[in-house]
Amino acid sequence: MARVEVKTRRWKRVEYERLIETGFFQPGDPVELIGGQLIVAEPQGSGHFTAIRAVEEALRAAFGAGWDVRGQGPVALDEESEPEPDVAVVPGSFRDYVAAHPSRPILVVEVSESSLALDRHHKGSLYARAGLDDYWIVNLVDRVLEVYRNPGPDPAAPFGWRYQVEALDRGASVSPLALPGTHIRVADLLP
């Protein structure tokens, strides 16, 4: 039997945005651009959606005015990536991003169940490469918050960068790096 080589095409963010503008993707299509590849996002069960809402509520209370807590909004991370994290915190107001998506979130949160491996390794490496200092995963499988910080080079990682990670159980609290004096209960982030 003959071996068939599969060829793939890498996409640039500008090309991806052009596809969106021309209506190639329909509203609500679960697609995001990660490292030049179009990735289908995890479908949301009720626990996943509830966790996203819990994270948004806790972060809005913690950050207050002057910060936009964005639920499932695009982030113009680099030339080949426009992920749509479950929650991202960016400076300013949503009105500041009429002309372009934000590019430098100070905190990104993914809620993970079936996408846990992807969020830990693939997206984690991507966010680390972009220099995002604070990345959290609300791990619905183990019911913990995984806090990813101190990005550094690692040639074995998918995008050449990796974080140091700490897992916090529901009884712990976490402080966003941008608000070191603020404490958010992990239990408030879980459904």
C-alpha atoms as a PDB file:
ATOM      1  CA  MET A   1       0.000   0.000   0.000  1.00  0.00           C
ATOM      2  CA  ALA A   2       1.362   3.419  -0.973  1.00  0.00           C
ATOM      3  CA  ARG A   3       2.055   5.884   1.785  1.00  0.00           C
ATOM      4  CA  VAL A   4       0.268   9.209   1.398  1.00  0.00           C
ATOM      5  CA  GLU A   5       1.907  12.297   2.794  1.00  0.00           C
ATOM      6  CA  VAL A   6      -0.514  14.720   4.433  1.00  0.00           C
ATOM      7  CA  LYS A   7       0.229  18.375   3.814  1.00  0.00           C
ATOM      8  CA  THR A   8      -0.988  21.117   6.082  1.00  0.00           C
ATOM      9  CA  ARG A   9      -1.073  24.873   5.639  1.00  0.00           C
ATOM     10  CA  ARG A  10      -0.047  27.345   8.326  1.00  0.00           C
ATOM     11  CA  TRP A  11      -2.208  30.430   8.636  1.00  0.00           C
ATOM     12  CA  LYS A  12      -1.223  33.955   9.591  1.00  0.00           C
ATOM     13  CA  ARG A  13      -3.458  35.980  11.895  1.00  0.00           C
ATOM     14  CA  VAL A  14      -4.152  38.540   9.168  1.00  0.00           C
ATOM     15  CA  GLU A  15      -5.382  35.733   6.865  1.00  0.00           C
ATOM     16  CA  TYR A  16      -7.554  34.290   9.634  1.00  0.00           C
ATOM     17  CA  GLU A  17      -9.112  37.698  10.310  1.00  0.00           C
ATOM     18  CA  ARG A  18      -9.779  38.096   6.586  1.00  0.00           C
ATOM     19  CA  LEU A  19     -11.667  34.768   6.616  1.00  0.00           C
ATOM     20  CA  ILE A  20     -13.774  36.046   9.518  1.00  0.00           C
ATOM     21  CA  GLU A  21     -14.474  39.385   7.801  1.00  0.00           C
ATOM     22  CA  THR A  22     -15.624  37.685   4.571  1.00  0.00           C
ATOM     23  CA  GLY A  23     -18.060  35.455   6.476  1.00  0.00           C
ATOM     24  CA  PHE A  24     -16.191  32.176   5.933  1.00  0.00           C
ATOM     25  CA  PHE A  25     -16.761  31.317   9.582  1.00  0.00           C
ATOM     26  CA  GLN A  26     -20.272  31.658  10.960  1.00  0.00           C
ATOM     27  CA  PRO A  27     -20.905  33.369  14.328  1.00  0.00           C
ATOM     28  CA  GLY A  28     -20.397  30.841  17.068  1.00  0.00           C
ATOM     29  CA  ASP A  29     -18.130  28.545  15.028  1.00  0.00           C
ATOM     30  CA  PRO A  30     -15.808  27.062  17.664  1.00  0.00           C
ATOM     31  CA  VAL A  31     -12.526  27.809  15.856  1.00  0.00           C
ATOM     32  CA  GLU A  32      -9.410  29.633  17.004  1.00  0.00           C
ATOM     33  CA  LEU A  33      -5.977  30.210  15.482  1.00  0.00           C
ATOM     34  CA  ILE A  34      -3.218  28.652  17.578  1.00  0.00           C
ATOM     35  CA  GLY A  35       0.341  28.705  16.292  1.00  0.00           C
ATOM     36  CA  GLY A  36      -0.755  28.904  12.663  1.00  0.00           C
ATOM     37  CA  GLN A  37      -3.271  26.061  12.944  1.00  0.00           C
ATOM     38  CA  LEU A  38      -7.051  26.292  13.032  1.00  0.00           C
ATOM     39  CA  ILE A  39      -8.174  24.464  16.174  1.00  0.00           C
ATOM     40  CA  VAL A  40     -11.734  23.428  16.979  1.00  0.00           C
ATOM     41  CA  ALA A  41     -12.595  24.534  20.517  1.00  0.00           C
ATOM     42  CA  GLU A  42     -13.990  22.281  23.244  1.00  0.00           C
ATOM     43  CA  PRO A  43     -17.798  22.094  23.368  1.00  0.00           C
ATOM     44  CA  GLN A  44     -19.248  23.520  26.559  1.00  0.00           C
ATOM     45  CA  GLY A  45     -21.200  21.450  29.013  1.00  0.00           C
ATOM     46  CA  SER A  46     -23.105  23.130  31.825  1.00  0.00           C
ATOM     47  CA  GLY A  47     -20.221  22.763  34.308  1.00  0.00           C
ATOM     48  CA  HIS A  48     -17.771  24.321  31.838  1.00  0.00           C
ATOM     49  CA  PHE A  49     -20.064  27.278  31.119  1.00  0.00           C
ATOM     50  CA  THR A  50     -20.816  27.775  34.829  1.00  0.00           C
ATOM     51  CA  ALA A  51     -17.084  27.803  35.607  1.00  0.00           C
ATOM     52  CA  ILE A  52     -16.486  30.465  32.948  1.00  0.00           C
ATOM     53  CA  ARG A  53     -19.192  32.617  34.523  1.00  0.00           C
ATOM     54  CA  ALA A  54     -17.741  32.040  38.010  1.00  0.00           C
ATOM     55  CA  VAL A  55     -14.280  33.110  36.833  1.00  0.00           C
ATOM     56  CA  GLU A  56     -15.682  36.230  35.127  1.00  0.00           C
ATOM     57  CA  GLU A  57     -17.624  37.182  38.256  1.00  0.00           C
ATOM     58  CA  ALA A  58     -14.660  36.687  40.603  1.00  0.00           C
ATOM     59  CA  LEU A  59     -12.242  38.579  38.349  1.00  0.00           C
ATOM     60  CA  ARG A  60     -14.621  41.502  37.778  1.00  0.00           C
ATOM     61  CA  ALA A  61     -15.003  41.859  41.546  1.00  0.00           C
ATOM     62  CA  ALA A  62     -11.229  41.655  42.056  1.00  0.00           C
ATOM     63  CA  PHE A  63     -10.112  43.974  39.235  1.00  0.00           C
ATOM     64  CA  GLY A  64     -12.899  46.567  39.186  1.00  0.00           C
ATOM     65  CA  ALA A  65     -12.847  49.703  37.050  1.00  0.00           C
ATOM     66  CA  GLY A  66     -10.026  50.205  34.589  1.00  0.00           C
ATOM     67  CA  TRP A  67      -9.913  46.560  33.544  1.00  0.00           C
ATOM     68  CA  ASP A  68     -11.914  44.627  30.958  1.00  0.00           C
ATOM     69  CA  VAL A  69     -12.701  41.024  31.911  1.00  0.00           C
ATOM     70  CA  ARG A  70     -13.383  39.443  28.516  1.00  0.00           C
ATOM     71  CA  GLY A  71     -15.271  36.171  28.198  1.00  0.00           C
ATOM     72  CA  GLN A  72     -14.261  34.093  25.183  1.00  0.00           C
ATOM     73  CA  GLY A  73     -12.947  37.063  23.228  1.00  0.00           C
ATOM     74  CA  PRO A  74     -10.099  36.968  20.720  1.00  0.00           C
ATOM     75  CA  VAL A  75      -6.585  38.003  21.708  1.00  0.00           C
ATOM     76  CA  ALA A  76      -4.166  39.095  18.958  1.00  0.00           C
ATOM     77  CA  LEU A  77      -1.284  37.219  20.527  1.00  0.00           C
ATOM     78  CA  ASP A  78       1.231  37.174  17.668  1.00  0.00           C
ATOM     79  CA  GLU A  79       1.393  36.913  13.874  1.00  0.00           C
ATOM     80  CA  GLU A  80       0.155  33.304  13.840  1.00  0.00           C
ATOM     81  CA  SER A  81      -2.107  33.122  16.867  1.00  0.00           C
ATOM     82  CA  GLU A  82      -5.478  34.556  17.789  1.00  0.00           C
ATOM     83  CA  PRO A  83      -6.717  32.360  20.619  1.00  0.00           C
ATOM     84  CA  GLU A  84     -10.060  32.920  22.316  1.00  0.00           C
ATOM     85  CA  PRO A  85      -9.342  32.112  25.953  1.00  0.00           C
ATOM     86  CA  ASP A  86     -12.317  31.409  28.174  1.00  0.00           C
ATOM     87  CA  VAL A  87     -11.484  34.568  30.150  1.00  0.00           C
ATOM     88  CA  ALA A  88      -8.834  37.253  29.700  1.00  0.00           C
ATOM     89  CA  VAL A  89      -8.183  40.419  31.677  1.00  0.00           C
ATOM     90  CA  VAL A  90      -6.902  43.410  29.699  1.00  0.00           C
ATOM     91  CA  PRO A  91      -6.318  47.036  30.654  1.00  0.00           C
ATOM     92  CA  GLY A  92      -8.968  49.625  29.931  1.00  0.00           C
ATOM     93  CA  SER A  93     -12.529  49.218  28.724  1.00  0.00           C
ATOM     94  CA  PHE A  94     -14.108  47.076  26.022  1.00  0.00           C
ATOM     95  CA  ARG A  95     -14.474  50.322  24.057  1.00  0.00           C
ATOM     96  CA  ASP A  96     -10.674  50.560  23.806  1.00  0.00           C
ATOM     97  CA  TYR A  97     -10.687  47.542  21.492  1.00  0.00           C
ATOM     98  CA  VAL A  98     -13.065  48.644  18.734  1.00  0.00           C
ATOM     99  CA  ALA A  99     -10.301  48.879  16.102  1.00  0.00           C
ATOM    100  CA  ALA A 100      -8.254  45.820  17.140  1.00  0.00           C
ATOM    101  CA  HIS A 101      -8.277  42.914  19.567  1.00  0.00           C
ATOM    102  CA  PRO A 102      -6.130  43.304  22.679  1.00  0.00           C
ATOM    103  CA  SER A 103      -2.666  41.803  22.423  1.00  0.00           C
ATOM    104  CA  ARG A 104      -1.297  41.931  25.974  1.00  0.00           C
ATOM    105  CA  PRO A 105      -3.680  40.422  28.528  1.00  0.00           C
ATOM    106  CA  ILE A 106      -2.349  40.543  32.069  1.00  0.00           C
ATOM    107  CA  LEU A 107      -4.190  37.312  32.933  1.00  0.00           C
ATOM    108  CA  VAL A 108      -5.538  34.485  30.773  1.00  0.00           C
ATOM    109  CA  VAL A 109      -7.784  31.737  32.160  1.00  0.00           C
ATOM    110  CA  GLU A 110      -8.836  28.531  30.424  1.00  0.00           C
ATOM    111  CA  VAL A 111     -11.546  26.277  31.859  1.00  0.00           C
ATOM    112  CA  SER A 112     -10.559  22.710  31.051  1.00  0.00           C
ATOM    113  CA  GLU A 113     -12.213  19.354  31.004  1.00  0.00           C
ATOM    114  CA  SER A 114     -11.665  17.407  27.777  1.00  0.00           C
ATOM    115  CA  SER A 115      -9.144  20.059  26.592  1.00  0.00           C
ATOM    116  CA  LEU A 116      -6.914  19.747  29.674  1.00  0.00           C
ATOM    117  CA  ALA A 117      -3.875  18.322  27.844  1.00  0.00           C
ATOM    118  CA  LEU A 118      -4.190  20.897  25.038  1.00  0.00           C
ATOM    119  CA  ASP A 119      -4.529  23.776  27.516  1.00  0.00           C
ATOM    120  CA  ARG A 120      -1.611  22.593  29.655  1.00  0.00           C
ATOM    121  CA  HIS A 121       0.929  21.856  26.960  1.00  0.00           C
ATOM    122  CA  HIS A 122      -0.033  23.470  23.663  1.00  0.00           C
ATOM    123  CA  LYS A 123      -1.760  26.669  24.791  1.00  0.00           C
ATOM    124  CA  GLY A 124       0.487  26.937  27.846  1.00  0.00           C
ATOM    125  CA  SER A 125       3.579  26.874  25.643  1.00  0.00           C
ATOM    126  CA  LEU A 126       2.006  29.408  23.277  1.00  0.00           C
ATOM    127  CA  TYR A 127       1.114  31.821  26.100  1.00  0.00           C
ATOM    128  CA  ALA A 128       4.589  31.369  27.626  1.00  0.00           C
ATOM    129  CA  ARG A 129       6.252  32.133  24.276  1.00  0.00           C
ATOM    130  CA  ALA A 130       4.162  35.319  24.066  1.00  0.00           C
ATOM    131  CA  GLY A 131       5.516  36.360  27.468  1.00  0.00           C
ATOM    132  CA  LEU A 132       2.190  36.288  29.333  1.00  0.00           C
ATOM    133  CA  ASP A 133       3.209  36.206  32.980  1.00  0.00           C
ATOM    134  CA  ASP A 134      -0.040  34.915  34.515  1.00  0.00           C
ATOM    135  CA  TYR A 135      -1.940  31.953  33.028  1.00  0.00           C
ATOM    136  CA  TRP A 136      -4.496  29.918  34.983  1.00  0.00           C
ATOM    137  CA  ILE A 137      -6.323  26.704  34.207  1.00  0.00           C
ATOM    138  CA  VAL A 138      -9.532  25.931  36.069  1.00  0.00           C
ATOM    139  CA  ASN A 139      -9.106  22.163  35.997  1.00  0.00           C
ATOM    140  CA  LEU A 140     -12.597  20.663  36.191  1.00  0.00           C
ATOM    141  CA  VAL A 141     -11.226  17.102  36.076  1.00  0.00           C
ATOM    142  CA  ASP A 142      -9.257  17.369  39.334  1.00  0.00           C
ATOM    143  CA  ARG A 143     -11.240  20.358  40.698  1.00  0.00           C
ATOM    144  CA  VAL A 144      -8.139  22.505  41.240  1.00  0.00           C
ATOM    145  CA  LEU A 145      -6.721  25.761  39.925  1.00  0.00           C
ATOM    146  CA  GLU A 146      -3.431  25.371  38.078  1.00  0.00           C
ATOM    147  CA  VAL A 147      -1.393  28.582  38.192  1.00  0.00           C
ATOM    148  CA  TYR A 148       1.232  28.957  35.444  1.00  0.00           C
ATOM    149  CA  ARG A 149       3.935  31.587  35.921  1.00  0.00           C
ATOM    150  CA  ASN A 150       7.593  32.370  35.236  1.00  0.00           C
ATOM    151  CA  PRO A 151       7.722  31.513  31.529  1.00  0.00           C
ATOM    152  CA  GLY A 152      11.060  30.300  30.261  1.00  0.00           C
ATOM    153  CA  PRO A 153      12.591  28.625  27.235  1.00  0.00           C
ATOM    154  CA  ASP A 154      12.231  24.861  26.850  1.00  0.00           C
ATOM    155  CA  PRO A 155      13.125  23.341  23.479  1.00  0.00           C
ATOM    156  CA  ALA A 156      10.975  20.278  24.249  1.00  0.00           C
ATOM    157  CA  ALA A 157       7.776  22.369  24.612  1.00  0.00           C
ATOM    158  CA  PRO A 158       5.476  22.703  21.570  1.00  0.00           C
ATOM    159  CA  PHE A 159       6.334  26.404  21.048  1.00  0.00           C
ATOM    160  CA  GLY A 160       9.747  26.330  22.735  1.00  0.00           C
ATOM    161  CA  TRP A 161       8.578  27.856  26.024  1.00  0.00           C
ATOM    162  CA  ARG A 162       7.073  26.530  29.253  1.00  0.00           C
ATOM    163  CA  TYR A 163       5.780  27.786  32.606  1.00  0.00           C
ATOM    164  CA  GLN A 164       6.397  26.709  36.166  1.00  0.00           C
ATOM    165  CA  VAL A 165       3.101  25.415  37.584  1.00  0.00           C
ATOM    166  CA  GLU A 166       1.451  25.229  40.994  1.00  0.00           C
ATOM    167  CA  ALA A 167      -1.863  23.448  41.689  1.00  0.00           C
ATOM    168  CA  LEU A 168      -4.169  24.982  44.308  1.00  0.00           C
ATOM    169  CA  ASP A 169      -7.128  23.150  45.828  1.00  0.00           C
ATOM    170  CA  ARG A 170     -10.528  24.716  46.465  1.00  0.00           C
ATOM    171  CA  GLY A 171      -9.554  25.790  50.014  1.00  0.00           C
ATOM    172  CA  ALA A 172      -6.661  27.965  48.788  1.00  0.00           C
ATOM    173  CA  SER A 173      -6.562  31.548  47.524  1.00  0.00           C
ATOM    174  CA  VAL A 174      -4.694  33.065  44.602  1.00  0.00           C
ATOM    175  CA  SER A 175      -3.458  36.590  43.890  1.00  0.00           C
ATOM    176  CA  PRO A 176      -3.222  37.800  40.291  1.00  0.00           C
ATOM    177  CA  LEU A 177       0.268  39.104  39.553  1.00  0.00           C
ATOM    178  CA  ALA A 178      -1.254  42.429  38.483  1.00  0.00           C
ATOM    179  CA  LEU A 179      -2.997  42.770  41.883  1.00  0.00           C
ATOM    180  CA  PRO A 180      -0.655  41.193  44.425  1.00  0.00           C
ATOM    181  CA  GLY A 181      -2.671  42.442  47.414  1.00  0.00           C
ATOM    182  CA  THR A 182      -5.901  40.875  46.194  1.00  0.00           C
ATOM    183  CA  HIS A 183      -6.896  37.337  47.159  1.00  0.00           C
ATOM    184  CA  ILE A 184      -9.401  35.277  45.177  1.00  0.00           C
ATOM    185  CA  ARG A 185     -10.708  32.061  46.685  1.00  0.00           C
ATOM    186  CA  VAL A 186     -10.187  29.062  44.381  1.00  0.00           C
ATOM    187  CA  ALA A 187     -13.633  27.828  45.462  1.00  0.00           C
ATOM    188  CA  ASP A 188     -15.102  30.969  43.825  1.00  0.00           C
ATOM    189  CA  LEU A 189     -13.616  29.911  40.468  1.00  0.00           C
ATOM    190  CA  LEU A 190     -15.097  26.412  40.481  1.00  0.00           C
ATOM    191  CA  PRO A 191     -18.710  25.557  39.577  1.00  0.00           C
END
